[in-house]
Amino acid sequence: MFHKRLQQIADQSLTRSVRVLESATGPVVQFGGRPVILLCSNDYLGLAVHPLVTQAAIRAIEQYGAGSGASRLICGTLPPHHRLESALASFKRTESALIFGSGYLANIGVLPRLIGRDGLILADRLCHASLIDGCRLSGADFRIFRHCDSMHVESLLKRRTPNRPTLIVTDGLFSMDGDLAPLTELASLAERYDAILYVDDAHGTGILGATGRGTLEELGVEDKIPFHMGTLGKAFGSSGAYVVGSRETTEYLLNTARPFIFATAPPPSTAAAALASLDVLQQEPERRARLWANRHYLFHGLQRLGFRLTATVSPILPILVGDASRALSFAEQMLAHGVYAPAIRPPTVPNHTSRIRVTVTSEHTTSQLDEALRAFEVAGRAAHLI
């Protein structure tokens, strides 16, 4: 039934498959019966396997069971969910928080509730797929602006019908390029043109800002953006997502966001794990210090080797390759030399921008990064990338 389409995908070097690891995530994993340096995880602070985090998940399972039973509006909420929301609101310095099963569910649930069919959405060209899908589900007119181009945003705002409801949508830290949205400029435009700015801070939360509150803290715009979302499956090492803002905002979403109303609540174990991660994040700032030291070490090492990187300012270090087939070949060479960093290809990234999306964590050692750099050099020369 799907043979022809699958063949077309294969002909474009865009076939995907699931690879099974034989160990927990970490700086080194077991794959194919051997240890491999993992340079593609979003577990930036190594919290997915932190003893306090895993023990919190185990205790929650023992006390509350493996599942939540139903939507929180059907059979009630469990204490781990309630405590996590309170802690997130406190951490983010907002009145309230609401958690969802995933970032994807949050975005496709929240965006259609912020604007209707009579409205206009302006979204960054490189927004995450969940943001794009949420925009489409809203039914509003949808326009793309050039990546991180606030001048383009303003030109679109000037051309809209006066007083038309408008939503500006962007990632905070872009997951495939590692750069930051111009939130200062976008927040000013939103205020000037009476628009709403919606920020997905999935990758910024936990690693950016003086205390790890994320991209908004890093850029000093927390008081200018009344609500935003982020995820718990990256720096927090668990799973799920949150929206933080005023109590009125979260109450509105609790009553209107379909993925919250109609989806079974996240397991109590993941909420308990995220809550424990938040404690570790605040009690062990040295983890973020190690992360950024490792990021700078690997970034400069890749630059010295001559690789072409994006304009990244984060622990996401994309090596630009271009052709999907060539990116696949480079990734396989890396794996043969003991480094797992898969090729990222369309539709995850635009056509002709396939890349190796390298991510580093706080838990990588300098010797592991040196070993990885040696593998990058050998594979890069074989692929004629350096």
Protein backbone atom coordinates (compact mmCIF):
# COMPACT_ATOMS: atom_id res chain seq x y z
CA MET A 1 0.00 0.00 0.00
CA PHE A 2 2.80 2.43 0.91
CA HIS A 3 5.60 0.84 -1.13
CA LYS A 4 5.79 3.58 -3.78
CA ARG A 5 5.93 6.40 -1.26
CA LEU A 6 8.52 4.57 0.86
CA GLN A 7 10.64 4.08 -2.26
CA GLN A 8 10.43 7.81 -3.02
CA ILE A 9 11.59 8.58 0.52
CA ALA A 10 14.48 6.13 0.16
CA ASP A 11 15.48 7.59 -3.22
CA GLN A 12 15.91 10.99 -1.55
CA SER A 13 18.02 9.53 1.29
CA LEU A 14 15.29 10.50 3.73
CA THR A 15 14.38 7.09 5.17
CA ARG A 16 14.23 7.03 8.95
CA SER A 17 14.45 4.12 11.33
CA VAL A 18 14.52 3.58 15.08
CA ARG A 19 17.85 2.54 16.57
CA VAL A 20 17.71 0.69 19.86
CA LEU A 21 20.20 1.63 22.55
CA GLU A 22 21.21 -1.01 25.08
CA SER A 23 21.65 1.33 28.03
CA ALA A 24 20.24 4.48 29.60
CA THR A 25 21.00 7.80 27.98
CA GLY A 26 24.30 9.37 29.02
CA PRO A 27 27.59 10.68 27.69
CA VAL A 28 28.42 7.09 26.65
CA VAL A 29 25.80 4.50 25.69
CA GLN A 30 25.84 0.88 24.65
CA PHE A 31 24.93 0.47 20.99
CA GLY A 32 25.47 -2.60 18.84
CA GLY A 33 27.26 -4.31 21.70
CA ARG A 34 29.89 -1.60 22.19
CA PRO A 35 30.28 1.73 23.99
CA VAL A 36 29.58 4.79 21.87
CA ILE A 37 29.91 8.48 22.75
CA LEU A 38 26.44 10.01 22.52
CA LEU A 39 26.41 13.52 21.04
CA CYS A 40 22.74 13.96 20.16
CA SER A 41 20.83 13.94 23.44
CA ASN A 42 18.79 16.87 24.76
CA ASP A 43 19.45 15.73 28.33
CA TYR A 44 21.76 18.74 28.67
CA LEU A 45 22.36 18.47 32.42
CA GLY A 46 22.44 14.69 32.73
CA LEU A 47 19.37 14.69 34.97
CA ALA A 48 17.60 11.77 33.29
CA VAL A 49 19.82 9.38 35.27
CA HIS A 50 20.48 11.51 38.35
CA PRO A 51 19.85 9.31 41.44
CA LEU A 52 17.54 11.84 43.10
CA VAL A 53 15.48 12.09 39.92
CA THR A 54 15.15 8.36 39.28
CA GLN A 55 14.42 7.68 42.96
CA ALA A 56 11.66 10.30 42.91
CA ALA A 57 10.08 8.56 39.91
CA ILE A 58 10.27 5.16 41.62
CA ARG A 59 8.68 6.50 44.82
CA ALA A 60 5.86 8.09 42.82
CA ILE A 61 5.13 4.79 41.05
CA GLU A 62 5.10 2.94 44.37
CA GLN A 63 2.75 5.50 45.92
CA TYR A 64 0.51 6.51 43.01
CA GLY A 65 0.90 3.77 40.40
CA ALA A 66 2.25 3.68 36.86
CA GLY A 67 -0.52 5.69 35.21
CA SER A 68 -2.85 8.58 35.98
CA GLY A 69 -6.08 6.81 35.02
CA ALA A 70 -7.70 9.55 32.94
CA SER A 71 -7.71 13.25 32.24
CA ARG A 72 -7.09 15.34 35.35
CA LEU A 73 -10.54 16.86 34.84
CA ILE A 74 -12.18 13.43 34.94
CA CYS A 75 -10.71 11.57 37.90
CA GLY A 76 -8.87 14.32 39.74
CA THR A 77 -5.26 15.32 39.83
CA LEU A 78 -2.45 13.60 41.70
CA PRO A 79 -0.12 15.35 44.15
CA PRO A 80 3.00 15.14 41.90
CA HIS A 81 1.23 17.12 39.16
CA HIS A 82 0.00 19.76 41.59
CA ARG A 83 3.38 20.11 43.31
CA LEU A 84 5.20 20.35 39.98
CA GLU A 85 2.93 23.14 38.75
CA SER A 86 3.44 25.10 41.96
CA ALA A 87 7.21 24.64 41.76
CA LEU A 88 7.37 25.65 38.09
CA ALA A 89 5.37 28.81 38.74
CA SER A 90 7.70 29.70 41.59
CA PHE A 91 10.82 28.94 39.54
CA LYS A 92 9.57 30.95 36.57
CA ARG A 93 8.31 33.78 38.84
CA THR A 94 4.78 33.62 37.47
CA GLU A 95 1.42 33.23 39.18
CA SER A 96 0.59 29.84 37.78
CA ALA A 97 1.62 26.87 35.63
CA LEU A 98 -0.19 24.13 33.74
CA ILE A 99 1.47 20.90 32.58
CA PHE A 100 0.78 18.90 29.42
CA GLY A 101 1.80 15.43 28.27
CA SER A 102 4.38 16.77 25.79
CA GLY A 103 5.57 19.95 24.13
CA TYR A 104 3.79 18.90 20.95
CA LEU A 105 0.49 18.56 22.81
CA ALA A 106 1.00 21.90 24.52
CA ASN A 107 1.62 23.78 21.28
CA ILE A 108 -1.21 22.24 19.28
CA GLY A 109 -3.48 22.81 22.26
CA VAL A 110 -2.53 26.34 23.27
CA LEU A 111 -2.05 28.12 19.94
CA PRO A 112 -5.62 27.55 18.62
CA ARG A 113 -6.91 28.98 21.91
CA LEU A 114 -4.94 32.20 21.55
CA ILE A 115 -6.32 33.26 18.20
CA GLY A 116 -9.25 32.43 15.93
CA ARG A 117 -10.06 32.30 12.24
CA ASP A 118 -10.36 36.08 12.07
CA GLY A 119 -6.76 36.50 13.24
CA LEU A 120 -3.26 36.65 11.78
CA ILE A 121 -0.25 34.56 12.82
CA LEU A 122 3.35 35.51 12.04
CA ALA A 123 5.76 32.62 12.66
CA ASP A 124 9.52 32.30 12.30
CA ARG A 125 10.54 30.22 9.28
CA LEU A 126 12.43 27.77 11.50
CA CYS A 127 9.77 27.27 14.17
CA HIS A 128 9.43 23.74 15.53
CA ALA A 129 6.91 21.53 13.72
CA SER A 130 4.58 21.53 16.72
CA LEU A 131 4.34 25.32 16.53
CA ILE A 132 3.59 25.20 12.82
CA ASP A 133 0.91 22.56 13.35
CA GLY A 134 -0.62 24.56 16.20
CA CYS A 135 -0.76 27.64 13.98
CA ARG A 136 -2.49 25.69 11.22
CA LEU A 137 -5.01 24.19 13.62
CA SER A 138 -6.06 27.67 14.73
CA GLY A 139 -7.53 28.41 11.31
CA ALA A 140 -6.03 31.91 11.38
CA ASP A 141 -4.23 33.40 8.37
CA PHE A 142 -0.66 32.23 8.59
CA ARG A 143 2.45 34.09 7.40
CA ILE A 144 6.10 33.07 7.71
CA PHE A 145 8.79 35.63 8.49
CA ARG A 146 12.48 35.30 7.73
CA HIS A 147 14.45 33.57 10.45
CA CYS A 148 15.12 35.91 13.40
CA ASP A 149 14.28 38.92 11.22
CA SER A 150 12.38 41.41 13.39
CA MET A 151 12.40 43.97 10.56
CA HIS A 152 10.45 41.52 8.40
CA VAL A 153 8.02 41.03 11.27
CA GLU A 154 7.43 44.75 11.51
CA SER A 155 6.86 45.06 7.77
CA LEU A 156 4.18 42.36 8.00
CA LEU A 157 2.60 44.05 11.00
CA LYS A 158 2.42 47.35 9.15
CA ARG A 159 0.56 45.74 6.25
CA ARG A 160 -2.11 44.00 8.30
CA THR A 161 -5.66 45.24 8.69
CA PRO A 162 -5.81 47.73 11.60
CA ASN A 163 -6.77 46.18 14.96
CA ARG A 164 -6.70 42.65 13.55
CA PRO A 165 -5.92 40.06 16.28
CA THR A 166 -2.29 39.04 15.73
CA LEU A 167 -0.02 36.38 17.18
CA ILE A 168 3.79 36.32 16.78
CA VAL A 169 5.20 32.82 17.24
CA THR A 170 8.81 31.77 17.76
CA ASP A 171 11.13 29.34 19.47
CA GLY A 172 13.30 30.90 22.15
CA LEU A 173 16.35 28.73 21.39
CA PHE A 174 16.09 27.10 17.96
CA SER A 175 16.61 23.37 18.20
CA MET A 176 18.23 22.76 14.81
CA ASP A 177 20.43 25.88 14.56
CA GLY A 178 21.25 26.64 18.19
CA ASP A 179 20.63 30.39 17.88
CA LEU A 180 18.34 32.66 19.89
CA ALA A 181 15.22 34.48 18.77
CA PRO A 182 15.41 38.31 18.94
CA LEU A 183 12.95 38.36 21.83
CA THR A 184 13.75 41.93 22.89
CA GLU A 185 12.77 43.26 19.48
CA LEU A 186 9.80 40.91 19.09
CA ALA A 187 8.43 41.84 22.52
CA SER A 188 8.69 45.53 21.64
CA LEU A 189 6.89 44.94 18.33
CA ALA A 190 4.16 42.96 20.07
CA GLU A 191 3.60 45.82 22.50
CA ARG A 192 3.71 48.52 19.81
CA TYR A 193 1.31 46.75 17.45
CA ASP A 194 -0.97 45.23 20.11
CA ALA A 195 -0.01 41.65 19.25
CA ILE A 196 0.59 38.58 21.41
CA LEU A 197 4.08 37.04 21.46
CA TYR A 198 4.14 33.26 22.04
CA VAL A 199 7.52 31.73 22.87
CA ASP A 200 8.42 28.03 22.92
CA ASP A 201 11.39 27.81 25.29
CA ALA A 202 11.79 24.04 25.15
CA HIS A 203 15.56 24.10 24.68
CA GLY A 204 16.36 27.24 26.67
CA THR A 205 14.74 26.31 29.97
CA GLY A 206 17.27 24.91 32.42
CA ILE A 207 20.42 26.01 30.60
CA LEU A 208 20.08 29.71 29.75
CA GLY A 209 19.90 32.68 32.09
CA ALA A 210 21.70 33.40 35.34
CA THR A 211 19.56 30.89 37.24
CA GLY A 212 18.55 28.61 34.36
CA ARG A 213 15.07 30.07 33.89
CA GLY A 214 15.67 30.12 30.15
CA THR A 215 15.86 32.35 27.11
CA LEU A 216 13.55 35.00 28.56
CA GLU A 217 15.84 35.39 31.57
CA GLU A 218 18.94 35.33 29.36
CA LEU A 219 17.62 38.21 27.25
CA GLY A 220 16.03 40.14 30.12
CA VAL A 221 12.45 40.06 28.81
CA GLU A 222 10.61 38.05 31.47
CA ASP A 223 8.53 41.08 32.47
CA LYS A 224 7.61 41.81 28.83
CA ILE A 225 6.29 38.36 27.88
CA PRO A 226 3.33 37.46 30.11
CA PHE A 227 3.28 33.72 29.37
CA HIS A 228 5.30 31.11 27.52
CA MET A 229 5.76 27.35 27.27
CA GLY A 230 8.62 24.93 27.66
CA THR A 231 9.27 21.23 28.04
CA LEU A 232 10.36 18.85 30.77
CA GLY A 233 12.01 16.29 28.49
CA LYS A 234 15.24 18.16 27.77
CA ALA A 235 17.26 19.86 30.52
CA PHE A 236 14.80 18.46 33.09
CA GLY A 237 15.51 14.90 31.94
CA SER A 238 11.88 13.74 32.27
CA SER A 239 8.94 14.26 29.90
CA GLY A 240 5.97 16.56 29.48
CA ALA A 241 5.58 20.31 29.03
CA TYR A 242 4.29 23.38 30.81
CA VAL A 243 2.76 26.77 30.21
CA VAL A 244 3.50 29.45 32.80
CA GLY A 245 1.79 32.81 33.19
CA SER A 246 -1.05 34.46 35.04
CA ARG A 247 -3.62 32.41 36.90
CA GLU A 248 -6.23 33.64 34.44
CA THR A 249 -4.13 32.29 31.54
CA THR A 250 -3.75 28.79 32.94
CA GLU A 251 -7.39 28.66 34.04
CA TYR A 252 -8.44 29.61 30.53
CA LEU A 253 -6.25 26.88 29.01
CA LEU A 254 -7.43 24.31 31.55
CA ASN A 255 -10.97 24.98 30.31
CA THR A 256 -10.28 25.23 26.58
CA ALA A 257 -7.08 23.42 25.49
CA ARG A 258 -8.22 20.12 23.98
CA PRO A 259 -5.00 18.12 24.62
CA PHE A 260 -5.34 18.99 28.32
CA ILE A 261 -9.06 18.30 28.55
CA PHE A 262 -9.18 15.07 26.55
CA ALA A 263 -5.77 13.42 27.12
CA THR A 264 -4.85 11.14 29.99
CA ALA A 265 -2.64 13.04 32.41
CA PRO A 266 1.13 12.39 32.35
CA PRO A 267 2.21 9.53 34.62
CA PRO A 268 2.85 10.64 38.21
CA SER A 269 6.39 9.32 37.92
CA THR A 270 7.34 11.79 35.18
CA ALA A 271 5.92 14.71 37.15
CA ALA A 272 7.79 13.62 40.27
CA ALA A 273 10.99 13.20 38.26
CA ALA A 274 10.65 16.69 36.77
CA LEU A 275 10.06 18.15 40.23
CA ALA A 276 13.20 16.47 41.52
CA SER A 277 15.13 17.73 38.49
CA LEU A 278 14.01 21.27 39.25
CA ASP A 279 15.43 20.88 42.77
CA VAL A 280 18.75 19.56 41.45
CA LEU A 281 18.91 22.31 38.84
CA GLN A 282 18.68 24.95 41.55
CA GLN A 283 20.91 23.17 44.07
CA GLU A 284 23.70 22.20 41.64
CA PRO A 285 24.50 25.25 39.46
CA GLU A 286 27.85 23.64 38.71
CA ARG A 287 26.04 21.41 36.21
CA ARG A 288 25.28 24.40 34.02
CA ALA A 289 28.85 25.61 34.44
CA ARG A 290 30.15 22.24 33.23
CA LEU A 291 27.71 22.25 30.34
CA TRP A 292 28.92 25.62 29.06
CA ALA A 293 32.59 24.71 29.57
CA ASN A 294 32.02 21.57 27.50
CA ARG A 295 30.09 23.52 24.90
CA HIS A 296 32.92 26.02 24.41
CA TYR A 297 35.54 23.25 24.32
CA LEU A 298 33.73 21.23 21.64
CA PHE A 299 32.67 24.30 19.65
CA HIS A 300 36.22 25.63 19.37
CA GLY A 301 37.53 22.14 18.62
CA LEU A 302 35.13 21.74 15.69
CA GLN A 303 36.01 25.22 14.46
CA ARG A 304 39.73 24.46 14.57
CA LEU A 305 39.13 21.36 12.47
CA GLY A 306 37.48 23.54 9.83
CA PHE A 307 33.85 22.44 10.03
CA ARG A 308 31.14 24.86 8.91
CA LEU A 309 28.77 25.49 11.82
CA THR A 310 25.59 27.49 12.15
CA ALA A 311 25.52 30.78 14.08
CA THR A 312 24.94 28.85 17.29
CA VAL A 313 25.31 30.34 20.76
CA SER A 314 24.21 27.24 22.64
CA PRO A 315 25.15 23.60 23.40
CA ILE A 316 23.51 22.72 20.07
CA LEU A 317 26.37 22.62 17.54
CA PRO A 318 25.06 21.85 14.02
CA ILE A 319 27.66 20.91 11.40
CA LEU A 320 26.27 21.96 8.02
CA VAL A 321 26.61 19.36 5.26
CA GLY A 322 23.89 20.21 2.72
CA ASP A 323 23.13 17.03 0.81
CA ALA A 324 21.07 14.43 2.71
CA SER A 325 22.98 11.45 1.31
CA ARG A 326 26.30 13.01 2.22
CA ALA A 327 25.08 13.79 5.73
CA LEU A 328 24.00 10.16 6.16
CA SER A 329 27.40 8.92 5.01
CA PHE A 330 29.19 11.27 7.40
CA ALA A 331 27.02 10.13 10.32
CA GLU A 332 27.72 6.47 9.54
CA GLN A 333 31.47 7.21 9.43
CA MET A 334 31.17 8.86 12.83
CA LEU A 335 29.34 5.87 14.26
CA ALA A 336 31.99 3.54 12.88
CA HIS A 337 34.52 5.59 14.85
CA GLY A 338 32.51 5.40 18.07
CA VAL A 339 30.42 8.59 18.04
CA TYR A 340 26.63 8.60 17.70
CA ALA A 341 25.44 11.88 16.13
CA PRO A 342 22.83 11.13 13.45
CA ALA A 343 22.14 13.11 10.30
CA ILE A 344 19.27 15.61 10.45
CA ARG A 345 17.49 15.84 7.09
CA PRO A 346 14.34 17.33 5.57
CA PRO A 347 11.60 17.81 6.59
CA THR A 348 13.17 18.43 10.01
CA VAL A 349 15.37 21.08 8.38
CA PRO A 350 14.89 22.94 5.07
CA ASN A 351 15.94 21.31 1.80
CA HIS A 352 19.68 21.33 1.07
CA THR A 353 20.57 22.10 4.72
CA SER A 354 21.08 18.57 6.05
CA ARG A 355 23.45 18.50 8.98
CA ILE A 356 24.90 16.65 11.91
CA ARG A 357 23.22 18.17 14.97
CA VAL A 358 25.81 17.76 17.69
CA THR A 359 24.71 18.32 21.28
CA VAL A 360 26.95 18.25 24.31
CA THR A 361 26.00 17.75 27.96
CA SER A 362 27.40 18.64 31.35
CA GLU A 363 28.39 15.00 31.86
CA HIS A 364 30.82 14.58 28.96
CA THR A 365 34.44 14.46 30.05
CA THR A 366 37.25 16.27 28.29
CA SER A 367 38.76 12.94 27.25
CA GLN A 368 35.44 11.89 25.70
CA LEU A 369 35.25 15.18 23.79
CA ASP A 370 38.84 14.76 22.60
CA GLU A 371 38.02 11.25 21.38
CA ALA A 372 34.95 12.61 19.61
CA LEU A 373 36.98 15.37 17.94
CA ARG A 374 39.43 12.78 16.60
CA ALA A 375 36.48 10.88 15.11
CA PHE A 376 35.11 14.11 13.61
CA GLU A 377 38.45 14.80 11.98
CA VAL A 378 38.77 11.35 10.41
CA ALA A 379 35.15 11.22 9.23
CA GLY A 380 35.21 14.86 8.10
CA ARG A 381 38.23 14.31 5.90
CA ALA A 382 36.74 11.13 4.43
CA ALA A 383 33.57 13.08 3.57
CA HIS A 384 35.59 16.04 2.22
CA LEU A 385 33.94 18.39 4.71
CA ILE A 386 37.26 19.67 6.04
